[in-house]
Structures are given as C-alpha cells and as structure tokens.
Amino acid sequence: MTILDTLNQIASYLKEVNLLSTFVRLFLAVLLGGIIGMERRRKHQAAGFRTHILVCVGSTLAMITNQYIFTYITHGVGDPARIGAQVISGIGFLGAGTILVTGKQQIKGLTTAAGLWASAAMGLAIGIGFYSGALIGCLFIMVVITYLHKFDEVFYKRSHIVNLYIEIDGLPRFKEVLAYLRANHKEVSSVDLVRSKNSDIESMGMFVTISFDAKQDEQGAIENIRALQGVTFVEELNW
C-alpha cells in the first residue's frame, strides 16, 4: 500500500461521522474561527475572538448533526443540507446585532457581520468534511479582512465622490444649501432629507453624494460647506 493510498483512506475515514472525525472537525472550527476572530478583536470590533469561534463551532456541529441524521437515522432519506440552510439564514440575526449607526450617522460593523456569515459558511464546510474548502476559505477571508481594506481606501480616495451628512437649522435653508452644492460641484446626487437627531425640532439633516473635479480640494470644499449660513454640522460618511 502506497502513502497516497493511506492518505486517501484517512481522508475517507475523516469524512464519516465518528469520534475522531467529530473531534478533528470541531478542533478545526475552533482554530479557523479563532483566526478570523483574532483579527476582528485586534480592530476592537464587537464580535471578536470568542464570538467567531462559537459561530464556527455551532455551524460545524449543526452540519455534523445533519450528516449523522441523514446517515444513521433516516438512512439516506431526506434533505442532507436542511439544517445547514437554516444556519445560513439564521446567522443574519447575529450579524445584524453588530451593525450600528453612530451618533455621527456613520454605519459601522458591516465587515464584522459579513465575517460572521463567512465563518458560519466555513463551519458548515468543516462540518460536512470539506476540509480543503474550509482551509482555503479561511485563507481568503483573512486576506480580505486584513489587507484589502487598504485597496478600498485607495479606490475611495481616487473616486472623487464623497458622501456627506449635513445638518441645517431649518427646512428653508435646504434649497439654499442644495443650490450652492449644485453650483460649486461637478455633480450632486442621492439627496435625502431626514429629521435630525438634534434637540432643535426645526433642525433637519440631509444625506448627499457629491462628485468633485479631479483638481478640486475635497477637504477645502467640505470646509466651505461647513461655513455656509444655516449649516450646523457636516460629516463625511465612510460607507
């Protein structure tokens, strides 16, 4: 028997539901989920080391249970992916809990929520014995959340498009501010008027997307908007 045959036998054994494969799968879930969680904790996110481990272990155990039921209880009758499908849809409530809108109207936690969802999918792969998919998936998840944000920032800075939240001291100022924006910028789009969180009942907020010319100083332009009469607050949004 060659080494390759031995490895194939081990791999086949680990794809079955037994004591060794269950231990290996859950240990791998702790390891890979912990790797993702450590990166999130390093950036002081709400869902960190333990949360990602629990999500990955939970989804792994759900998939092992699904395989056990399909193999030993129903003897191949039924849907072998039913529990896994519920995990994918059900993890949304946990991801939603990590997303929040700050007092400055910035949305935080989207990447962490997506990481939890990806960790659940990774756990399902481990749970069914798709070890190579889980390992490669973990590698790509780590690359995305650790390094690609730098490319995202570069593209954002070169886009010459800025999302702003502007508070004005009353509805009559809305037309004046909007006219100024349209007169001094290349393009103004996605204008939404909302009730401000300011205690002043007359205060209004507006979300607006502005396109700048390549040679235009973005920070200087934002300061000019902040200096407009009737404008009480201006914040650049990073979505």
C-alpha atoms as a PDB file:
ATOM      1  CA  MET A   1       0.000   0.000   0.000  1.00  0.00           C
ATOM      2  CA  THR A   2       1.438   3.365  -1.020  1.00  0.00           C
ATOM      3  CA  ILE A   3       1.472   6.559   1.062  1.00  0.00           C
ATOM      4  CA  LEU A   4      -1.139   8.020  -1.279  1.00  0.00           C
ATOM      5  CA  ASP A   5      -3.482   5.104  -0.647  1.00  0.00           C
ATOM      6  CA  THR A   6      -3.011   5.527   3.107  1.00  0.00           C
ATOM      7  CA  LEU A   7      -3.818   9.233   2.903  1.00  0.00           C
ATOM      8  CA  ASN A   8      -6.916   8.507   0.837  1.00  0.00           C
ATOM      9  CA  GLN A   9      -8.100   6.016   3.450  1.00  0.00           C
ATOM     10  CA  ILE A  10      -7.547   8.552   6.234  1.00  0.00           C
ATOM     11  CA  ALA A  11      -9.397  11.221   4.264  1.00  0.00           C
ATOM     12  CA  SER A  12     -12.279   8.837   3.609  1.00  0.00           C
ATOM     13  CA  TYR A  13     -12.422   7.900   7.297  1.00  0.00           C
ATOM     14  CA  LEU A  14     -12.483  11.562   8.359  1.00  0.00           C
ATOM     15  CA  LYS A  15     -15.448  12.207   6.062  1.00  0.00           C
ATOM     16  CA  GLU A  16     -17.539   9.733   8.013  1.00  0.00           C
ATOM     17  CA  VAL A  17     -19.268  10.612  11.273  1.00  0.00           C
ATOM     18  CA  ASN A  18     -17.183   9.027  14.021  1.00  0.00           C
ATOM     19  CA  LEU A  19     -15.427  10.069  17.207  1.00  0.00           C
ATOM     20  CA  LEU A  20     -12.147  11.031  15.533  1.00  0.00           C
ATOM     21  CA  SER A  21     -13.713  12.967  12.650  1.00  0.00           C
ATOM     22  CA  THR A  22     -16.032  14.817  15.058  1.00  0.00           C
ATOM     23  CA  PHE A  23     -13.064  15.866  17.200  1.00  0.00           C
ATOM     24  CA  VAL A  24     -10.999  16.918  14.168  1.00  0.00           C
ATOM     25  CA  ARG A  25     -13.844  18.958  12.703  1.00  0.00           C
ATOM     26  CA  LEU A  26     -14.675  20.776  15.933  1.00  0.00           C
ATOM     27  CA  PHE A  27     -10.991  21.426  16.655  1.00  0.00           C
ATOM     28  CA  LEU A  28     -10.568  22.837  13.148  1.00  0.00           C
ATOM     29  CA  ALA A  29     -13.641  25.031  13.706  1.00  0.00           C
ATOM     30  CA  VAL A  30     -12.109  26.440  16.900  1.00  0.00           C
ATOM     31  CA  LEU A  31      -8.793  27.048  15.114  1.00  0.00           C
ATOM     32  CA  LEU A  32     -10.109  28.694  11.938  1.00  0.00           C
ATOM     33  CA  GLY A  33     -12.897  30.602  13.687  1.00  0.00           C
ATOM     34  CA  GLY A  34     -10.345  31.855  16.212  1.00  0.00           C
ATOM     35  CA  ILE A  35      -8.040  33.074  13.449  1.00  0.00           C
ATOM     36  CA  ILE A  36     -10.818  35.210  11.972  1.00  0.00           C
ATOM     37  CA  GLY A  37     -11.944  36.356  15.417  1.00  0.00           C
ATOM     38  CA  MET A  38      -8.464  37.454  16.497  1.00  0.00           C
ATOM     39  CA  GLU A  39      -8.239  39.817  13.534  1.00  0.00           C
ATOM     40  CA  ARG A  40     -11.621  41.359  14.419  1.00  0.00           C
ATOM     41  CA  ARG A  41     -10.684  41.689  18.105  1.00  0.00           C
ATOM     42  CA  ARG A  42      -7.402  43.348  17.130  1.00  0.00           C
ATOM     43  CA  LYS A  43      -9.507  46.069  15.495  1.00  0.00           C
ATOM     44  CA  HIS A  44     -11.718  46.319  18.615  1.00  0.00           C
ATOM     45  CA  GLN A  45     -14.875  45.068  16.929  1.00  0.00           C
ATOM     46  CA  ALA A  46     -17.879  43.960  18.976  1.00  0.00           C
ATOM     47  CA  ALA A  47     -17.823  40.409  17.607  1.00  0.00           C
ATOM     48  CA  GLY A  48     -14.317  39.154  18.278  1.00  0.00           C
ATOM     49  CA  PHE A  49     -12.389  36.020  19.211  1.00  0.00           C
ATOM     50  CA  ARG A  50     -14.978  34.032  21.173  1.00  0.00           C
ATOM     51  CA  THR A  51     -17.942  35.083  19.030  1.00  0.00           C
ATOM     52  CA  HIS A  52     -16.357  33.875  15.794  1.00  0.00           C
ATOM     53  CA  ILE A  53     -15.270  30.613  17.431  1.00  0.00           C
ATOM     54  CA  LEU A  54     -18.790  29.955  18.712  1.00  0.00           C
ATOM     55  CA  VAL A  55     -20.338  30.745  15.315  1.00  0.00           C
ATOM     56  CA  CYS A  56     -17.904  28.437  13.522  1.00  0.00           C
ATOM     57  CA  VAL A  57     -18.227  25.628  16.097  1.00  0.00           C
ATOM     58  CA  GLY A  58     -22.010  25.937  16.176  1.00  0.00           C
ATOM     59  CA  SER A  59     -22.387  25.732  12.404  1.00  0.00           C
ATOM     60  CA  THR A  60     -19.900  22.846  12.292  1.00  0.00           C
ATOM     61  CA  LEU A  61     -21.848  20.917  14.918  1.00  0.00           C
ATOM     62  CA  ALA A  62     -25.102  21.643  13.072  1.00  0.00           C
ATOM     63  CA  MET A  63     -23.672  20.168   9.876  1.00  0.00           C
ATOM     64  CA  ILE A  64     -22.239  17.122  11.675  1.00  0.00           C
ATOM     65  CA  THR A  65     -25.651  16.554  13.242  1.00  0.00           C
ATOM     66  CA  ASN A  66     -27.261  16.888   9.825  1.00  0.00           C
ATOM     67  CA  GLN A  67     -24.878  14.307   8.369  1.00  0.00           C
ATOM     68  CA  TYR A  68     -25.436  11.972  11.331  1.00  0.00           C
ATOM     69  CA  ILE A  69     -29.229  12.160  10.978  1.00  0.00           C
ATOM     70  CA  PHE A  70     -29.060  11.606   7.213  1.00  0.00           C
ATOM     71  CA  THR A  71     -26.647   8.663   7.524  1.00  0.00           C
ATOM     72  CA  TYR A  72     -27.743   6.824  10.653  1.00  0.00           C
ATOM     73  CA  ILE A  73     -31.287   7.945  11.477  1.00  0.00           C
ATOM     74  CA  THR A  74     -33.109   8.368   8.156  1.00  0.00           C
ATOM     75  CA  HIS A  75     -30.636   6.121   6.253  1.00  0.00           C
ATOM     76  CA  GLY A  76     -30.267   8.434   3.278  1.00  0.00           C
ATOM     77  CA  VAL A  77     -33.861   9.670   3.175  1.00  0.00           C
ATOM     78  CA  GLY A  78     -34.491  13.419   3.330  1.00  0.00           C
ATOM     79  CA  ASP A  79     -32.543  16.590   2.648  1.00  0.00           C
ATOM     80  CA  PRO A  80     -28.917  16.342   3.874  1.00  0.00           C
ATOM     81  CA  ALA A  81     -28.493  20.140   3.764  1.00  0.00           C
ATOM     82  CA  ARG A  82     -31.656  21.211   5.595  1.00  0.00           C
ATOM     83  CA  ILE A  83     -30.015  22.199   8.893  1.00  0.00           C
ATOM     84  CA  GLY A  84     -27.143  23.903   7.071  1.00  0.00           C
ATOM     85  CA  ALA A  85     -29.599  26.026   5.117  1.00  0.00           C
ATOM     86  CA  GLN A  86     -31.189  27.173   8.358  1.00  0.00           C
ATOM     87  CA  VAL A  87     -27.782  28.141   9.742  1.00  0.00           C
ATOM     88  CA  ILE A  88     -27.038  30.347   6.736  1.00  0.00           C
ATOM     89  CA  SER A  89     -30.359  32.184   7.011  1.00  0.00           C
ATOM     90  CA  GLY A  90     -30.403  32.258  10.805  1.00  0.00           C
ATOM     91  CA  ILE A  91     -26.941  33.775  11.269  1.00  0.00           C
ATOM     92  CA  GLY A  92     -28.370  37.063   9.980  1.00  0.00           C
ATOM     93  CA  PHE A  93     -29.792  37.992  13.393  1.00  0.00           C
ATOM     94  CA  LEU A  94     -26.322  37.836  14.941  1.00  0.00           C
ATOM     95  CA  GLY A  95     -24.757  39.832  12.114  1.00  0.00           C
ATOM     96  CA  ALA A  96     -27.467  42.474  12.401  1.00  0.00           C
ATOM     97  CA  GLY A  97     -26.540  42.924  16.048  1.00  0.00           C
ATOM     98  CA  THR A  98     -23.019  44.028  15.093  1.00  0.00           C
ATOM     99  CA  ILE A  99     -24.234  46.727  12.681  1.00  0.00           C
ATOM    100  CA  LEU A 100     -24.975  50.109  14.180  1.00  0.00           C
ATOM    101  CA  VAL A 101     -25.418  53.715  13.145  1.00  0.00           C
ATOM    102  CA  THR A 102     -23.278  56.034  15.231  1.00  0.00           C
ATOM    103  CA  GLY A 103     -24.258  59.446  16.523  1.00  0.00           C
ATOM    104  CA  LYS A 104     -22.451  60.913  13.536  1.00  0.00           C
ATOM    105  CA  GLN A 105     -24.644  58.881  11.173  1.00  0.00           C
ATOM    106  CA  GLN A 106     -21.827  56.534  10.183  1.00  0.00           C
ATOM    107  CA  ILE A 107     -22.595  52.866   9.626  1.00  0.00           C
ATOM    108  CA  LYS A 108     -20.256  50.513  11.477  1.00  0.00           C
ATOM    109  CA  GLY A 109     -19.950  46.751  11.659  1.00  0.00           C
ATOM    110  CA  LEU A 110     -20.763  45.652   8.104  1.00  0.00           C
ATOM    111  CA  THR A 111     -17.429  43.856   7.663  1.00  0.00           C
ATOM    112  CA  THR A 112     -17.782  42.118  11.029  1.00  0.00           C
ATOM    113  CA  ALA A 113     -21.304  40.972  10.126  1.00  0.00           C
ATOM    114  CA  ALA A 114     -20.055  39.626   6.800  1.00  0.00           C
ATOM    115  CA  GLY A 115     -17.184  37.915   8.643  1.00  0.00           C
ATOM    116  CA  LEU A 116     -19.641  36.155  10.954  1.00  0.00           C
ATOM    117  CA  TRP A 117     -21.643  34.955   7.973  1.00  0.00           C
ATOM    118  CA  ALA A 118     -18.454  33.734   6.269  1.00  0.00           C
ATOM    119  CA  SER A 119     -17.375  31.988   9.487  1.00  0.00           C
ATOM    120  CA  ALA A 120     -20.712  30.183   9.573  1.00  0.00           C
ATOM    121  CA  ALA A 121     -20.242  29.041   5.978  1.00  0.00           C
ATOM    122  CA  MET A 122     -16.712  27.937   6.839  1.00  0.00           C
ATOM    123  CA  GLY A 123     -18.088  25.951   9.776  1.00  0.00           C
ATOM    124  CA  LEU A 124     -20.596  24.221   7.508  1.00  0.00           C
ATOM    125  CA  ALA A 125     -17.766  23.196   5.180  1.00  0.00           C
ATOM    126  CA  ILE A 126     -15.828  21.770   8.129  1.00  0.00           C
ATOM    127  CA  GLY A 127     -18.940  20.059   9.477  1.00  0.00           C
ATOM    128  CA  ILE A 128     -19.567  18.117   6.278  1.00  0.00           C
ATOM    129  CA  GLY A 129     -15.886  17.165   5.964  1.00  0.00           C
ATOM    130  CA  PHE A 130     -14.950  19.579   3.173  1.00  0.00           C
ATOM    131  CA  TYR A 131     -11.631  20.374   4.845  1.00  0.00           C
ATOM    132  CA  SER A 132      -9.823  21.811   1.823  1.00  0.00           C
ATOM    133  CA  GLY A 133     -12.697  24.217   1.144  1.00  0.00           C
ATOM    134  CA  ALA A 134     -12.683  25.380   4.769  1.00  0.00           C
ATOM    135  CA  LEU A 135      -8.917  25.940   4.847  1.00  0.00           C
ATOM    136  CA  ILE A 136      -8.832  27.786   1.522  1.00  0.00           C
ATOM    137  CA  GLY A 137     -11.926  29.774   2.550  1.00  0.00           C
ATOM    138  CA  CYS A 138     -10.249  30.795   5.820  1.00  0.00           C
ATOM    139  CA  LEU A 139      -7.189  31.969   3.878  1.00  0.00           C
ATOM    140  CA  PHE A 140      -9.255  34.132   1.537  1.00  0.00           C
ATOM    141  CA  ILE A 141     -11.377  35.543   4.380  1.00  0.00           C
ATOM    142  CA  MET A 142      -8.220  36.569   6.249  1.00  0.00           C
ATOM    143  CA  VAL A 143      -6.750  38.217   3.151  1.00  0.00           C
ATOM    144  CA  VAL A 144      -9.963  40.169   2.528  1.00  0.00           C
ATOM    145  CA  ILE A 145     -10.485  41.487   6.064  1.00  0.00           C
ATOM    146  CA  THR A 146      -6.791  42.095   6.798  1.00  0.00           C
ATOM    147  CA  TYR A 147      -5.320  43.543   3.627  1.00  0.00           C
ATOM    148  CA  LEU A 148      -7.971  44.534   1.083  1.00  0.00           C
ATOM    149  CA  HIS A 149      -9.222  47.466   3.168  1.00  0.00           C
ATOM    150  CA  LYS A 150      -6.051  49.280   2.053  1.00  0.00           C
ATOM    151  CA  PHE A 151      -7.083  48.914  -1.607  1.00  0.00           C
ATOM    152  CA  ASP A 152     -10.597  50.015  -0.671  1.00  0.00           C
ATOM    153  CA  GLU A 153      -9.223  53.213   0.867  1.00  0.00           C
ATOM    154  CA  VAL A 154      -7.063  53.921  -2.214  1.00  0.00           C
ATOM    155  CA  PHE A 155     -10.016  53.485  -4.593  1.00  0.00           C
ATOM    156  CA  TYR A 156     -12.222  55.623  -2.340  1.00  0.00           C
ATOM    157  CA  LYS A 157      -9.722  58.479  -2.297  1.00  0.00           C
ATOM    158  CA  ARG A 158      -9.312  58.376  -6.084  1.00  0.00           C
ATOM    159  CA  SER A 159     -13.025  58.245  -6.831  1.00  0.00           C
ATOM    160  CA  HIS A 160     -13.577  61.999  -6.172  1.00  0.00           C
ATOM    161  CA  ILE A 161     -17.008  61.091  -4.804  1.00  0.00           C
ATOM    162  CA  VAL A 162     -17.918  61.951  -1.209  1.00  0.00           C
ATOM    163  CA  ASN A 163     -20.970  61.057   0.868  1.00  0.00           C
ATOM    164  CA  LEU A 164     -21.892  63.812   3.313  1.00  0.00           C
ATOM    165  CA  TYR A 165     -24.330  64.204   6.158  1.00  0.00           C
ATOM    166  CA  ILE A 166     -25.250  67.884   6.531  1.00  0.00           C
ATOM    167  CA  GLU A 167     -27.413  69.370   9.282  1.00  0.00           C
ATOM    168  CA  ILE A 168     -29.219  72.641   8.586  1.00  0.00           C
ATOM    169  CA  ASP A 169     -31.110  74.869  11.019  1.00  0.00           C
ATOM    170  CA  GLY A 170     -34.424  74.687   9.179  1.00  0.00           C
ATOM    171  CA  LEU A 171     -36.183  73.454   6.072  1.00  0.00           C
ATOM    172  CA  PRO A 172     -35.995  76.839   4.282  1.00  0.00           C
ATOM    173  CA  ARG A 173     -32.184  76.511   4.238  1.00  0.00           C
ATOM    174  CA  PHE A 174     -32.430  73.264   2.274  1.00  0.00           C
ATOM    175  CA  LYS A 175     -32.910  74.932  -1.119  1.00  0.00           C
ATOM    176  CA  GLU A 176     -30.088  77.396  -0.444  1.00  0.00           C
ATOM    177  CA  VAL A 177     -27.599  74.690   0.517  1.00  0.00           C
ATOM    178  CA  LEU A 178     -28.652  72.469  -2.376  1.00  0.00           C
ATOM    179  CA  ALA A 179     -28.280  75.362  -4.835  1.00  0.00           C
ATOM    180  CA  TYR A 180     -24.779  76.070  -3.505  1.00  0.00           C
ATOM    181  CA  LEU A 181     -23.773  72.421  -3.898  1.00  0.00           C
ATOM    182  CA  ARG A 182     -25.047  72.220  -7.462  1.00  0.00           C
ATOM    183  CA  ALA A 183     -23.339  75.486  -8.394  1.00  0.00           C
ATOM    184  CA  ASN A 184     -19.933  74.579  -6.968  1.00  0.00           C
ATOM    185  CA  HIS A 185     -19.578  70.864  -7.658  1.00  0.00           C
ATOM    186  CA  LYS A 186     -19.440  68.647 -10.702  1.00  0.00           C
ATOM    187  CA  GLU A 187     -22.446  66.551  -9.742  1.00  0.00           C
ATOM    188  CA  VAL A 188     -24.863  66.252  -6.823  1.00  0.00           C
ATOM    189  CA  SER A 189     -26.925  63.085  -6.470  1.00  0.00           C
ATOM    190  CA  SER A 190     -28.746  60.907  -3.936  1.00  0.00           C
ATOM    191  CA  VAL A 191     -30.156  63.787  -1.893  1.00  0.00           C
ATOM    192  CA  ASP A 192     -32.213  62.554   1.077  1.00  0.00           C
ATOM    193  CA  LEU A 193     -33.782  64.791   3.709  1.00  0.00           C
ATOM    194  CA  VAL A 194     -34.252  63.354   7.216  1.00  0.00           C
ATOM    195  CA  ARG A 195     -35.253  64.545  10.667  1.00  0.00           C
ATOM    196  CA  SER A 196     -32.138  65.483  12.613  1.00  0.00           C
ATOM    197  CA  LYS A 197     -31.307  63.929  15.980  1.00  0.00           C
ATOM    198  CA  ASN A 198     -30.591  67.428  17.235  1.00  0.00           C
ATOM    199  CA  SER A 199     -32.849  68.571  20.074  1.00  0.00           C
ATOM    200  CA  ASP A 200     -33.906  71.557  17.962  1.00  0.00           C
ATOM    201  CA  ILE A 201     -37.175  70.497  16.345  1.00  0.00           C
ATOM    202  CA  GLU A 202     -36.536  72.755  13.333  1.00  0.00           C
ATOM    203  CA  SER A 203     -33.150  71.197  12.586  1.00  0.00           C
ATOM    204  CA  MET A 204     -33.017  68.948   9.517  1.00  0.00           C
ATOM    205  CA  GLY A 205     -30.416  66.546   8.188  1.00  0.00           C
ATOM    206  CA  MET A 206     -29.596  65.738   4.586  1.00  0.00           C
ATOM    207  CA  PHE A 207     -27.599  62.911   3.061  1.00  0.00           C
ATOM    208  CA  VAL A 208     -25.976  63.936  -0.189  1.00  0.00           C
ATOM    209  CA  THR A 209     -23.445  62.442  -2.619  1.00  0.00           C
ATOM    210  CA  ILE A 210     -21.105  64.957  -4.262  1.00  0.00           C
ATOM    211  CA  SER A 211     -18.786  64.408  -7.206  1.00  0.00           C
ATOM    212  CA  PHE A 212     -15.648  66.571  -7.292  1.00  0.00           C
ATOM    213  CA  ASP A 213     -13.405  67.628 -10.140  1.00  0.00           C
ATOM    214  CA  ALA A 214     -10.019  65.905 -10.135  1.00  0.00           C
ATOM    215  CA  LYS A 215      -8.220  69.157  -9.247  1.00  0.00           C
ATOM    216  CA  GLN A 216     -10.682  70.234  -6.562  1.00  0.00           C
ATOM    217  CA  ASP A 217      -9.588  70.200  -2.920  1.00  0.00           C
ATOM    218  CA  GLU A 218     -12.119  67.939  -1.210  1.00  0.00           C
ATOM    219  CA  GLN A 219     -11.306  68.941   2.360  1.00  0.00           C
ATOM    220  CA  GLY A 220     -11.380  72.609   1.433  1.00  0.00           C
ATOM    221  CA  ALA A 221     -14.733  72.154  -0.271  1.00  0.00           C
ATOM    222  CA  ILE A 222     -16.155  70.434   2.814  1.00  0.00           C
ATOM    223  CA  GLU A 223     -14.918  73.300   4.992  1.00  0.00           C
ATOM    224  CA  ASN A 224     -16.660  75.761   2.660  1.00  0.00           C
ATOM    225  CA  ILE A 225     -19.913  73.833   3.089  1.00  0.00           C
ATOM    226  CA  ARG A 226     -19.425  73.840   6.862  1.00  0.00           C
ATOM    227  CA  ALA A 227     -19.046  77.638   6.753  1.00  0.00           C
ATOM    228  CA  LEU A 228     -22.349  78.193   4.926  1.00  0.00           C
ATOM    229  CA  GLN A 229     -25.008  80.157   6.754  1.00  0.00           C
ATOM    230  CA  GLY A 230     -27.577  77.807   8.265  1.00  0.00           C
ATOM    231  CA  VAL A 231     -25.270  74.758   8.237  1.00  0.00           C
ATOM    232  CA  THR A 232     -24.724  73.490  11.794  1.00  0.00           C
ATOM    233  CA  PHE A 233     -22.899  70.214  11.188  1.00  0.00           C
ATOM    234  CA  VAL A 234     -21.090  68.436   8.340  1.00  0.00           C
ATOM    235  CA  GLU A 235     -19.723  64.889   8.474  1.00  0.00           C
ATOM    236  CA  GLU A 236     -18.088  62.791   5.742  1.00  0.00           C
ATOM    237  CA  LEU A 237     -19.550  59.279   5.658  1.00  0.00           C
ATOM    238  CA  ASN A 238     -17.441  56.212   5.009  1.00  0.00           C
ATOM    239  CA  TRP A 239     -19.879  53.533   3.809  1.00  0.00           C
END
